[in-house]
N, C-alpha and C. Protein backbone atom coordinates (compact mmCIF):
# COMPACT_ATOMS: atom_id res chain seq x y z
N UNK A 1 -9.66 -9.40 5.22
CA UNK A 1 -10.01 -9.47 3.82
C UNK A 1 -8.98 -8.71 2.99
N UNK A 2 -8.60 -9.26 1.86
CA UNK A 2 -7.68 -8.55 0.99
C UNK A 2 -8.37 -7.39 0.30
N UNK A 3 -7.59 -6.43 -0.17
CA UNK A 3 -8.15 -5.27 -0.85
C UNK A 3 -8.77 -5.66 -2.18
N UNK A 4 -8.22 -6.69 -2.81
CA UNK A 4 -8.74 -7.14 -4.09
C UNK A 4 -8.85 -8.66 -4.06
N UNK A 5 -9.64 -9.21 -4.99
CA UNK A 5 -9.78 -10.66 -5.00
C UNK A 5 -8.46 -11.29 -5.41
N UNK A 6 -8.17 -12.42 -4.84
CA UNK A 6 -6.89 -13.06 -5.06
C UNK A 6 -7.01 -14.16 -6.11
N UNK A 7 -5.93 -14.38 -6.81
CA UNK A 7 -5.85 -15.45 -7.79
C UNK A 7 -5.39 -16.70 -7.05
N UNK A 8 -6.01 -17.83 -7.36
CA UNK A 8 -5.62 -19.05 -6.65
C UNK A 8 -4.22 -19.49 -7.04
N UNK A 9 -3.64 -20.34 -6.23
CA UNK A 9 -2.24 -20.75 -6.38
C UNK A 9 -1.98 -21.42 -7.73
N UNK A 10 -2.93 -22.22 -8.18
CA UNK A 10 -2.76 -22.93 -9.46
C UNK A 10 -2.60 -21.93 -10.61
N UNK A 11 -3.42 -20.89 -10.62
CA UNK A 11 -3.33 -19.89 -11.69
C UNK A 11 -2.07 -19.05 -11.57
N UNK A 12 -1.59 -18.80 -10.36
CA UNK A 12 -0.34 -18.05 -10.18
C UNK A 12 0.83 -18.81 -10.80
N UNK A 13 0.87 -20.12 -10.57
CA UNK A 13 1.93 -20.94 -11.15
C UNK A 13 1.82 -20.95 -12.67
N UNK A 14 0.58 -21.06 -13.17
CA UNK A 14 0.36 -21.05 -14.61
C UNK A 14 0.81 -19.74 -15.24
N UNK A 15 0.52 -18.62 -14.56
CA UNK A 15 0.94 -17.30 -15.05
C UNK A 15 2.46 -17.24 -15.13
N UNK A 16 3.14 -17.72 -14.10
CA UNK A 16 4.61 -17.67 -14.07
C UNK A 16 5.21 -18.51 -15.19
N UNK A 17 4.64 -19.70 -15.42
CA UNK A 17 5.16 -20.57 -16.48
C UNK A 17 4.97 -19.94 -17.85
N UNK A 18 3.80 -19.35 -18.09
CA UNK A 18 3.54 -18.70 -19.37
C UNK A 18 4.45 -17.49 -19.56
N UNK A 19 4.73 -16.78 -18.48
CA UNK A 19 5.63 -15.62 -18.55
C UNK A 19 7.05 -16.06 -18.91
N UNK A 20 7.49 -17.17 -18.33
CA UNK A 20 8.83 -17.69 -18.63
C UNK A 20 8.93 -18.20 -20.06
N UNK A 21 7.79 -18.60 -20.65
CA UNK A 21 7.78 -19.04 -22.05
C UNK A 21 7.83 -17.86 -23.02
N UNK A 22 7.70 -16.64 -22.50
CA UNK A 22 7.80 -15.47 -23.33
C UNK A 22 6.47 -14.91 -23.81
N UNK A 23 5.37 -15.35 -23.24
CA UNK A 23 4.06 -14.84 -23.62
C UNK A 23 3.87 -13.43 -23.06
N UNK A 24 3.05 -12.63 -23.74
CA UNK A 24 2.78 -11.27 -23.26
C UNK A 24 1.76 -11.32 -22.13
N UNK A 25 1.67 -10.24 -21.38
CA UNK A 25 0.74 -10.18 -20.26
C UNK A 25 -0.71 -10.25 -20.76
N UNK A 26 -0.96 -9.66 -21.92
CA UNK A 26 -2.31 -9.67 -22.49
C UNK A 26 -2.72 -11.10 -22.88
N UNK A 27 -1.79 -11.85 -23.48
CA UNK A 27 -2.08 -13.24 -23.85
C UNK A 27 -2.32 -14.10 -22.61
N UNK A 28 -1.49 -13.90 -21.60
CA UNK A 28 -1.63 -14.67 -20.35
C UNK A 28 -2.98 -14.38 -19.71
N UNK A 29 -3.37 -13.11 -19.71
CA UNK A 29 -4.66 -12.73 -19.10
C UNK A 29 -5.82 -13.42 -19.79
N UNK A 30 -5.76 -13.55 -21.11
CA UNK A 30 -6.83 -14.23 -21.85
C UNK A 30 -6.86 -15.72 -21.53
N UNK A 31 -5.67 -16.34 -21.45
CA UNK A 31 -5.60 -17.77 -21.19
C UNK A 31 -6.07 -18.13 -19.78
N UNK A 32 -5.68 -17.31 -18.79
CA UNK A 32 -6.01 -17.61 -17.40
C UNK A 32 -7.36 -17.03 -17.00
N UNK A 33 -7.91 -16.14 -17.85
CA UNK A 33 -9.20 -15.48 -17.63
C UNK A 33 -9.17 -14.60 -16.37
N UNK A 34 -8.22 -13.67 -16.38
CA UNK A 34 -8.14 -12.66 -15.34
C UNK A 34 -7.64 -11.37 -15.99
N UNK A 35 -7.57 -10.30 -15.24
CA UNK A 35 -7.17 -9.02 -15.80
C UNK A 35 -5.66 -8.96 -16.04
N UNK A 36 -5.25 -8.07 -16.93
CA UNK A 36 -3.83 -7.89 -17.22
C UNK A 36 -3.11 -7.36 -15.99
N UNK A 37 -3.77 -6.51 -15.22
CA UNK A 37 -3.16 -5.97 -14.01
C UNK A 37 -2.89 -7.07 -12.99
N UNK A 38 -3.79 -8.05 -12.90
CA UNK A 38 -3.59 -9.18 -11.99
C UNK A 38 -2.38 -10.00 -12.43
N UNK A 39 -2.22 -10.17 -13.73
CA UNK A 39 -1.06 -10.89 -14.26
C UNK A 39 0.21 -10.13 -13.92
N UNK A 40 0.18 -8.82 -14.14
CA UNK A 40 1.35 -7.99 -13.87
C UNK A 40 1.75 -8.05 -12.39
N UNK A 41 0.78 -7.94 -11.50
CA UNK A 41 1.10 -7.96 -10.07
C UNK A 41 1.60 -9.34 -9.63
N UNK A 42 1.08 -10.41 -10.24
CA UNK A 42 1.54 -11.76 -9.91
C UNK A 42 2.99 -11.96 -10.33
N UNK A 43 3.33 -11.49 -11.52
CA UNK A 43 4.71 -11.60 -12.00
C UNK A 43 5.64 -10.76 -11.12
N UNK A 44 5.19 -9.58 -10.75
CA UNK A 44 5.99 -8.68 -9.92
C UNK A 44 6.22 -9.29 -8.54
N UNK A 45 5.18 -9.88 -7.95
CA UNK A 45 5.30 -10.51 -6.64
C UNK A 45 6.30 -11.66 -6.67
N UNK A 46 6.22 -12.48 -7.75
CA UNK A 46 7.15 -13.60 -7.84
C UNK A 46 8.58 -13.12 -7.99
N UNK A 47 8.78 -12.03 -8.73
CA UNK A 47 10.13 -11.48 -8.91
C UNK A 47 10.70 -10.97 -7.58
N UNK A 48 9.84 -10.38 -6.74
CA UNK A 48 10.29 -9.83 -5.46
C UNK A 48 10.53 -10.90 -4.41
N UNK A 49 9.59 -11.84 -4.28
CA UNK A 49 9.64 -12.81 -3.19
C UNK A 49 10.21 -14.15 -3.59
N UNK A 50 10.11 -14.50 -4.87
CA UNK A 50 10.59 -15.79 -5.32
C UNK A 50 9.62 -16.93 -5.05
N UNK A 51 8.39 -16.62 -4.64
CA UNK A 51 7.39 -17.64 -4.35
C UNK A 51 6.00 -17.15 -4.67
N UNK A 52 5.03 -18.04 -4.51
CA UNK A 52 3.65 -17.71 -4.83
C UNK A 52 2.76 -17.60 -3.59
N UNK A 53 3.32 -17.73 -2.41
CA UNK A 53 2.52 -17.74 -1.17
C UNK A 53 1.97 -16.34 -0.87
N UNK A 54 0.84 -16.32 -0.16
CA UNK A 54 0.26 -15.05 0.26
C UNK A 54 1.13 -14.40 1.33
N UNK A 55 1.12 -13.07 1.35
CA UNK A 55 1.85 -12.36 2.39
C UNK A 55 1.03 -12.43 3.68
N UNK A 56 1.68 -12.53 4.83
CA UNK A 56 0.91 -12.55 6.08
C UNK A 56 0.26 -11.19 6.33
N UNK A 57 -0.93 -11.22 6.85
CA UNK A 57 -1.66 -9.99 7.13
C UNK A 57 -1.65 -9.72 8.63
N UNK A 58 -1.69 -8.46 9.00
CA UNK A 58 -1.58 -8.10 10.40
C UNK A 58 -2.91 -8.24 11.13
N UNK A 59 -3.98 -7.81 10.55
CA UNK A 59 -5.28 -7.88 11.19
C UNK A 59 -5.49 -6.71 12.13
N UNK A 60 -6.65 -6.66 12.73
CA UNK A 60 -7.00 -5.57 13.62
C UNK A 60 -6.38 -5.79 14.99
N UNK A 61 -5.96 -4.70 15.63
CA UNK A 61 -5.38 -4.78 16.96
C UNK A 61 -6.48 -5.11 17.97
N UNK A 62 -6.12 -5.89 18.99
CA UNK A 62 -7.09 -6.24 20.03
C UNK A 62 -7.34 -5.06 20.96
N UNK A 63 -8.60 -4.86 21.34
CA UNK A 63 -8.95 -3.80 22.27
C UNK A 63 -8.99 -4.30 23.70
N UNK A 64 -9.26 -5.60 23.86
CA UNK A 64 -9.31 -6.18 25.20
C UNK A 64 -8.29 -7.30 25.29
N UNK A 65 -7.84 -7.54 26.51
CA UNK A 65 -6.89 -8.64 26.72
C UNK A 65 -7.68 -9.94 26.89
N UNK A 66 -6.98 -11.05 26.93
CA UNK A 66 -7.64 -12.34 27.13
C UNK A 66 -8.30 -12.39 28.50
N UNK A 67 -7.67 -11.75 29.47
CA UNK A 67 -8.23 -11.71 30.82
C UNK A 67 -9.54 -10.94 30.83
N UNK A 68 -9.57 -9.79 30.13
CA UNK A 68 -10.80 -9.01 30.02
C UNK A 68 -11.91 -9.80 29.33
N UNK A 69 -11.54 -10.56 28.31
CA UNK A 69 -12.52 -11.38 27.60
C UNK A 69 -13.15 -12.41 28.53
N UNK A 70 -12.31 -13.07 29.32
CA UNK A 70 -12.84 -14.07 30.26
C UNK A 70 -13.79 -13.42 31.27
N UNK A 71 -13.42 -12.22 31.73
CA UNK A 71 -14.25 -11.51 32.70
C UNK A 71 -15.60 -11.13 32.08
N UNK A 72 -15.59 -10.65 30.84
CA UNK A 72 -16.84 -10.29 30.17
C UNK A 72 -17.74 -11.50 29.96
N UNK A 73 -17.14 -12.63 29.59
CA UNK A 73 -17.93 -13.84 29.40
C UNK A 73 -18.55 -14.29 30.72
N UNK A 74 -17.75 -14.23 31.78
CA UNK A 74 -18.26 -14.64 33.10
C UNK A 74 -19.43 -13.75 33.52
N UNK A 75 -19.30 -12.44 33.32
CA UNK A 75 -20.36 -11.49 33.70
C UNK A 75 -21.63 -11.73 32.87
N UNK A 76 -21.46 -11.99 31.57
CA UNK A 76 -22.63 -12.18 30.72
C UNK A 76 -23.34 -13.50 31.06
N UNK A 77 -22.62 -14.51 31.50
CA UNK A 77 -23.24 -15.77 31.89
C UNK A 77 -23.99 -15.63 33.22
N UNK A 78 -23.53 -14.74 34.09
CA UNK A 78 -24.22 -14.49 35.35
C UNK A 78 -25.58 -13.85 35.12
N UNK A 79 -25.57 -12.80 34.31
CA UNK A 79 -26.80 -12.04 34.08
C UNK A 79 -26.91 -11.74 32.59
N UNK A 80 -27.76 -12.49 31.92
CA UNK A 80 -27.87 -12.38 30.46
C UNK A 80 -28.48 -11.06 30.02
N UNK A 81 -29.20 -10.38 30.87
CA UNK A 81 -29.83 -9.11 30.51
C UNK A 81 -28.84 -7.94 30.50
N UNK A 82 -27.68 -8.13 31.08
CA UNK A 82 -26.66 -7.08 31.11
C UNK A 82 -26.12 -6.78 29.72
N UNK A 83 -26.00 -7.80 28.92
CA UNK A 83 -25.43 -7.61 27.59
C UNK A 83 -26.47 -7.08 26.66
């Protein structure tokens, strides 16, 4: 899950186009119906990356290997009361 709610791709493109037309961040926020900070971060992200795609997230590290998972599943299917 992201730390904050994300703006959909359509609105990100709209924000960038309005910014290129010379509109202020406050005006863009009213038109797109989001916060000024969201507009600012969207413009900043586009300036850094050159695109509107989400950054890849790392996720939580695995505690068990795939082999351990298979073993746990096999054990739980043998005796359902163990789990």
